[in-house]
Amino acid sequence: MKLLTCVLVDDEPLALEVLKTHLGKLPHVHMLASFDDPFQALHFLQTQPAPDVLFLDITMPGLTGFELAPFLKSSTNLIFTTAHREFALQGFEHDAVDYLVKPVSFERLAKAVAKVVGKSSKPSAEPETFLYLKIDKAMVKVNVADIEYLESLRNYVKIKTTSRELVGYYSLTYLEEKLPAHQFLRVQKSFIINLAHVQSFTAEQVTVGQKEIPLGRQYKEDVLRWLHQKSI
């Protein structure tokens, strides 16, 4: 595995120590430098070879993370760290790979690093084009591309396509495992959406077809990150 170089920027010494401790448990990550002064960090980033990853706090005196981010070289993967969930949407507008809310756990940080590692090494696979779903007593053919969203109804799942609604005796998790992961994304506990059918979105909800679906708190970061990758 390629060694990842990283730089940490946070005006809170304790937050820096937490990140250092977590990153020290990852043998494929090498910390180049850490800064509690954003201006010193900016000077380093402009005069030294670009790190693979920058862990960047948002609320810092004199120079915020949002103000520093535009100076990064395109090869650096940006991961925001902050105590403020409400900055998530703005964070992904800066093409952040991830958005970590303090206090940052080791598991959450490791997941963010894994996203960087897998960003350019996603395996190719033949996508599913259709599925046969058991609806009542019949096996019904459903084109995957036509599915707009799936909604959990306790022991059943409603499958909304561009032309009809089907209800089958499935769990949402079971169907999630059968659908292409690059195309379908869970946006809350009861909904999985087809990203190709997203008509619009805000920081709080997505509109899929004619359906407005609120974003669940634990899924919001991944959903907004993907959608902003498609924004111009």
Protein backbone atom coordinates (compact mmCIF):
# COMPACT_ATOMS: atom_id res chain seq x y z
CA MET A 1 0.00 0.00 0.00
CA LYS A 2 1.28 3.47 -0.93
CA LEU A 3 2.44 5.56 2.01
CA LEU A 4 0.13 8.54 2.51
CA THR A 5 1.65 11.81 3.66
CA CYS A 6 -0.49 14.19 5.68
CA VAL A 7 -0.51 17.60 7.34
CA LEU A 8 -2.69 18.59 10.32
CA VAL A 9 -4.03 22.09 10.93
CA ASP A 10 -6.05 22.93 14.05
CA ASP A 11 -5.79 25.80 16.52
CA GLU A 12 -6.77 23.47 19.39
CA PRO A 13 -3.72 21.57 20.73
CA LEU A 14 -5.89 18.81 22.20
CA ALA A 15 -7.59 18.22 18.84
CA LEU A 16 -4.18 17.96 17.18
CA GLU A 17 -3.04 15.40 19.76
CA VAL A 18 -6.14 13.29 19.15
CA LEU A 19 -5.48 13.25 15.40
CA LYS A 20 -1.80 12.42 15.92
CA THR A 21 -2.68 9.53 18.22
CA HIS A 22 -5.21 8.09 15.77
CA LEU A 23 -2.95 8.50 12.74
CA GLY A 24 -0.09 6.87 14.63
CA LYS A 25 -2.10 3.65 14.60
CA LEU A 26 -2.19 3.62 10.78
CA PRO A 27 1.16 2.29 9.47
CA HIS A 28 0.52 3.50 5.91
CA VAL A 29 0.12 7.15 7.00
CA HIS A 30 3.09 9.47 7.58
CA MET A 31 2.58 12.88 9.18
CA LEU A 32 4.77 15.56 7.61
CA ALA A 33 3.82 18.41 9.95
CA SER A 34 1.15 19.79 12.25
CA PHE A 35 0.21 23.42 12.87
CA ASP A 36 -1.92 25.30 15.37
CA ASP A 37 -1.42 28.50 13.34
CA PRO A 38 -3.22 28.52 9.96
CA PHE A 39 -0.85 31.13 8.50
CA GLN A 40 2.19 28.96 9.25
CA ALA A 41 0.34 26.03 7.70
CA LEU A 42 -0.41 28.06 4.56
CA HIS A 43 3.27 29.00 4.21
CA PHE A 44 4.28 25.35 4.54
CA LEU A 45 1.72 24.21 1.98
CA GLN A 46 2.84 26.84 -0.52
CA THR A 47 6.57 26.15 -0.17
CA GLN A 48 6.79 22.39 0.43
CA PRO A 49 5.76 19.36 -1.65
CA ALA A 50 2.01 18.84 -1.48
CA PRO A 51 0.85 16.25 1.08
CA ASP A 52 -1.55 13.52 0.04
CA VAL A 53 -4.01 14.52 2.77
CA LEU A 54 -4.72 17.70 4.71
CA PHE A 55 -6.74 17.46 7.92
CA LEU A 56 -8.09 20.99 8.28
CA ASP A 57 -10.07 22.64 11.07
CA ILE A 58 -12.67 25.20 9.96
CA THR A 59 -13.06 27.74 12.76
CA MET A 60 -9.62 29.25 13.39
CA PRO A 61 -8.68 32.84 14.31
CA GLY A 62 -7.43 35.02 11.47
CA LEU A 63 -7.81 32.44 8.69
CA THR A 64 -10.61 29.89 8.53
CA GLY A 65 -10.33 26.49 6.96
CA PHE A 66 -12.68 27.61 4.19
CA GLU A 67 -10.37 30.54 3.43
CA LEU A 68 -7.28 28.33 3.42
CA ALA A 69 -8.74 25.50 1.32
CA PRO A 70 -8.63 27.31 -2.08
CA PHE A 71 -4.82 27.54 -1.81
CA LEU A 72 -4.38 23.76 -1.79
CA LYS A 73 -2.81 22.00 -4.74
CA SER A 74 -5.21 19.76 -6.65
CA SER A 75 -3.29 16.62 -5.66
CA THR A 76 -4.06 17.12 -1.95
CA ASN A 77 -7.12 15.38 -0.54
CA LEU A 78 -8.96 17.63 1.90
CA ILE A 79 -10.59 16.30 5.08
CA PHE A 80 -12.28 18.89 7.28
CA THR A 81 -12.35 18.47 11.07
CA THR A 82 -14.72 20.61 13.08
CA ALA A 83 -17.08 20.70 16.03
CA HIS A 84 -19.80 22.25 13.86
CA ARG A 85 -22.09 19.92 11.89
CA GLU A 86 -23.82 22.87 10.24
CA PHE A 87 -20.76 23.53 8.06
CA ALA A 88 -21.06 20.16 6.27
CA LEU A 89 -22.69 21.44 3.09
CA GLN A 90 -20.19 24.27 2.71
CA GLY A 91 -17.39 21.84 3.45
CA PHE A 92 -18.26 19.59 0.53
CA GLU A 93 -18.48 22.62 -1.74
CA HIS A 94 -14.69 22.75 -1.31
CA ASP A 95 -14.41 19.21 -2.75
CA ALA A 96 -13.60 17.69 0.62
CA VAL A 97 -13.16 13.94 0.63
CA ASP A 98 -14.72 13.77 4.08
CA TYR A 99 -16.02 15.88 6.97
CA LEU A 100 -15.18 14.74 10.48
CA VAL A 101 -17.10 16.05 13.48
CA LYS A 102 -15.19 16.40 16.76
CA PRO A 103 -14.53 14.57 18.91
CA VAL A 104 -13.08 12.43 16.10
CA SER A 105 -13.05 8.71 16.85
CA PHE A 106 -10.34 6.40 15.50
CA GLU A 107 -12.92 4.39 13.56
CA ARG A 108 -14.29 7.49 11.82
CA LEU A 109 -10.83 8.80 10.98
CA ALA A 110 -9.74 5.41 9.62
CA LYS A 111 -12.81 5.37 7.42
CA ALA A 112 -11.92 8.81 6.03
CA VAL A 113 -8.36 7.68 5.26
CA ALA A 114 -9.72 4.57 3.57
CA LYS A 115 -11.78 6.81 1.28
CA VAL A 116 -8.59 8.56 0.18
CA VAL A 117 -6.87 5.22 -0.43
CA GLY A 118 -9.80 3.90 -2.45
CA LYS A 119 -10.53 7.13 -4.29
CA SER A 120 -8.49 6.21 -7.36
CA SER A 121 -8.48 2.43 -7.03
CA LYS A 122 -12.11 1.41 -7.22
CA PRO A 123 -12.46 -2.03 -8.80
CA SER A 124 -14.45 -2.25 -12.00
CA ALA A 125 -17.40 -4.59 -12.12
CA GLU A 126 -20.23 -5.35 -14.44
CA PRO A 127 -23.27 -3.48 -13.11
CA GLU A 128 -26.56 -5.23 -12.59
CA THR A 129 -29.04 -4.22 -15.32
CA PHE A 130 -32.16 -5.89 -13.93
CA LEU A 131 -33.45 -7.93 -11.01
CA TYR A 132 -36.35 -10.32 -10.52
CA LEU A 133 -38.26 -9.38 -7.38
CA LYS A 134 -40.90 -11.50 -5.72
CA ILE A 135 -44.08 -9.43 -5.68
CA ASP A 136 -47.05 -11.33 -4.26
CA LYS A 137 -46.71 -14.73 -5.97
CA ALA A 138 -44.92 -13.58 -9.12
CA MET A 139 -41.26 -12.89 -9.91
CA VAL A 140 -41.33 -9.44 -11.51
CA LYS A 141 -38.53 -8.11 -13.69
CA VAL A 142 -37.35 -4.63 -12.66
CA ASN A 143 -34.77 -2.65 -14.61
CA VAL A 144 -32.25 -1.30 -12.11
CA ALA A 145 -31.88 1.98 -14.00
CA ASP A 146 -35.64 2.61 -13.66
CA ILE A 147 -35.65 2.39 -9.85
CA GLU A 148 -36.01 5.85 -8.31
CA TYR A 149 -35.93 4.88 -4.64
CA LEU A 150 -36.69 2.12 -2.14
CA GLU A 151 -38.65 2.78 1.03
CA SER A 152 -38.81 0.50 4.06
CA LEU A 153 -42.33 -0.34 5.25
CA ARG A 154 -41.50 -2.42 8.32
CA ASN A 155 -41.31 -5.99 6.96
CA TYR A 156 -41.84 -4.85 3.37
CA VAL A 157 -40.09 -2.56 0.92
CA LYS A 158 -41.71 -0.26 -1.61
CA ILE A 159 -39.78 -0.09 -4.87
CA LYS A 160 -40.65 3.10 -6.76
CA THR A 161 -39.69 3.05 -10.43
CA THR A 162 -40.27 5.61 -13.15
CA SER A 163 -43.50 3.87 -14.14
CA ARG A 164 -44.89 1.98 -11.14
CA GLU A 165 -44.74 1.12 -7.44
CA LEU A 166 -44.07 -2.41 -6.23
CA VAL A 167 -44.19 -3.75 -2.67
CA GLY A 168 -42.30 -6.91 -1.76
CA TYR A 169 -41.55 -8.88 1.39
CA TYR A 170 -37.91 -7.85 1.79
CA SER A 171 -35.70 -5.97 4.20
CA LEU A 172 -34.13 -2.75 2.96
CA THR A 173 -30.68 -4.03 3.91
CA TYR A 174 -31.12 -7.18 1.83
CA LEU A 175 -32.01 -5.23 -1.31
CA GLU A 176 -29.23 -2.72 -0.64
CA GLU A 177 -26.71 -5.56 -0.91
CA LYS A 178 -28.15 -6.59 -4.29
CA LEU A 179 -27.99 -3.14 -5.88
CA PRO A 180 -24.89 -1.49 -7.42
CA ALA A 181 -23.14 0.44 -4.65
CA HIS A 182 -21.91 3.13 -7.05
CA GLN A 183 -25.48 3.89 -8.13
CA PHE A 184 -27.60 3.51 -4.98
CA LEU A 185 -27.08 5.28 -1.68
CA ARG A 186 -28.90 5.11 1.64
CA VAL A 187 -29.97 8.60 2.68
CA GLN A 188 -31.74 7.68 5.89
CA LYS A 189 -32.77 4.57 7.81
CA SER A 190 -35.86 4.00 5.65
CA PHE A 191 -34.76 5.18 2.19
CA ILE A 192 -32.27 4.19 -0.50
CA ILE A 193 -32.12 6.38 -3.59
CA ASN A 194 -30.91 5.93 -7.14
CA LEU A 195 -28.41 8.78 -7.54
CA ALA A 196 -29.20 9.05 -11.24
CA HIS A 197 -32.76 10.15 -10.39
CA VAL A 198 -31.86 13.00 -8.00
CA GLN A 199 -33.57 16.10 -9.39
CA SER A 200 -32.38 18.59 -6.76
CA PHE A 201 -30.93 18.72 -3.26
CA THR A 202 -30.31 20.98 -0.28
CA ALA A 203 -28.37 20.46 2.94
CA GLU A 204 -31.47 18.84 4.43
CA GLN A 205 -33.20 16.82 1.69
CA VAL A 206 -33.05 15.35 -1.80
CA THR A 207 -35.78 15.30 -4.42
CA VAL A 208 -35.88 12.01 -6.27
CA GLY A 209 -38.43 11.95 -9.06
CA GLN A 210 -41.35 13.75 -7.41
CA LYS A 211 -40.48 12.59 -3.88
CA GLU A 212 -38.83 14.87 -1.30
CA ILE A 213 -36.76 12.76 1.08
CA PRO A 214 -35.13 14.23 4.24
CA LEU A 215 -31.47 13.31 4.79
CA GLY A 216 -30.77 11.25 7.88
CA ARG A 217 -28.16 12.70 10.21
CA GLN A 218 -25.76 9.76 10.02
CA TYR A 219 -25.99 9.51 6.20
CA LYS A 220 -25.91 13.21 5.30
CA GLU A 221 -22.14 13.56 4.95
CA ASP A 222 -21.76 10.75 2.38
CA VAL A 223 -24.79 11.90 0.38
CA LEU A 224 -23.70 15.53 0.17
CA ARG A 225 -20.13 14.58 -0.68
CA TRP A 226 -21.26 12.49 -3.66
CA LEU A 227 -23.72 15.08 -4.91
CA HIS A 228 -21.19 17.90 -4.70
CA GLN A 229 -18.72 15.85 -6.74
CA LYS A 230 -21.27 16.20 -9.56
CA SER A 231 -21.82 19.92 -9.02
CA ILE A 232 -20.22 22.67 -11.09
